[in-house]
Amino acid sequence: MRLGRTILPVLIVGTAFSATASRAADNLDCVSTGYTAEIAAEIDSFQGIFNAGNGWGPELPQSVFGAVTGRAGQCAEQHGWSPEAIEDAVFFQMFSILRGGVARGTPLSSTQMQRVDQALAGPDQERLRAIVGRQVDSVLGGAEAPEPTEAENMFIGRLILRAGVPVTEENGHYVGAYMASVVMPQVIAARFADR
């Protein structure tokens, strides 16, 4: 299942929510728990073969997508989420699953990965979140994610250089994908908290 336009109609039509939704959503971690052993095994299998290189594949199994949307509906009933909060919760969990696959498929050493994490935690993380946030807004609006500007590409390139990983096409694709997989759930969690 590709993230994007197909998620929104399924989510709105197929997920129940409480009519007494709170003004600010909480308990986002609810959507990350409560899955059957079978679904957990499917997620583990997907993460084990996920390729974050140029192409991002394979697609997430439909059964996992269905389990996530169903779990979001259960959490909405328990915690009074609005439809917008449900949408954010589904995207949060999808990107969290992708992050697990990206992390497991790294071509980098553990030391190199630590340096990438340090670069992500540095003083420029708010700018990176703003860049990714613009893309998240587009995807959640059903549009194609905009291409980063030349200045944004240079900024992301500097973050990769600061990580001190060998400059190769594979590493560039990977570190960019890893950065996105780390930052996207953070951006969506912030959106969720305002619902």
Foldseek 3Di string as FASTA:
>chain_A
DDQFDVLVVCLVVPADADPQADQFFDPLCQLVDDDDPVLVVLLVVQLQPFDLFPPTDDDRDPVNLVSSSHSLRVVRHVGVHDSLLSLLSSVLNVLLSVLSSLVNPDPDDPLLVVLLVVLCPDPCVVVVLVLLLQQVVQRSVRHHRDDDDPVVVVVVVVSNVSSVDDDDSRSVSSSVSNSSSVNVSVSSVVVNRSD
